[in-house]
């Protein structure tokens, strides 16, 4: 067999092995595991003379392709989550930024063991006209809604309540504590609420529905676990105050809306 053809056979065979379920196993690999596998691939490249793509590039391509397939498939259980995102941003930013690497999860500051209880000092009122009854949290105005809706309906409700409104995103420990204070002021008995985070098709990549950076997290230990591959949406105050959990998006909960000004 000519060397060029043989090289192509090697390449296609190894690529087939690598891409098989890569969107599932790659996210579970440690940095050390990925580097070790990349060294094996480099050795195979030297021996066979075939040029193999980097693992990260292969993963990026497969994840983005999968995202686009879900966008097209209206019957897919996660299609509704993509419809909540701006289409241009989805293709240009979200699939390339939130899906291309694990950096959002790897670099996110994990405050699992550092979530404070509500300090009982409520955030001050929002200083935006007509939204003075909302609360100022960072650069956002936030409001609690004592109305049980599923994740998608809650997001659309937030969009109706304020210009640029979305389910709330969280970017610091202080903001997480402030949001928790708001929740417990209005509903101490049933504090479980929707926040604006969701997982992209079981990839372990979490994004905020408002397209802000995933730079903070406060999970209950052992979460997110995507129980039965059906828990894709983010709730707060499950088991522990201020802590996060992944839950089924179709469940109905109260929620926090926010908008940035």
Foldseek 3Di string as FASTA:
>chain_A
DDLVVQLVVLQVVVLVVLLVPVLAVVLVDDPVRLVVVQVVVVVSCVVSVHDYDRSLVSQLVVQLVVVVVLCVDPPDPCNLLVVLADPVCVNPPCSCPLRSDCCLVVQADECQPPQDAQPLDAAAADPDPPRRVFGDQPQKTKDWFQWWFFQSVVQVVQVVVDPLKGFADDADSSSLSNVLSRQCVVDVPASKAFGQWWDDQNSPGIAGSSRDGSRYAHAHPPPDPCVVVAFTTWIADDPHRSHIYTHHRRGIDIGMMMHGD
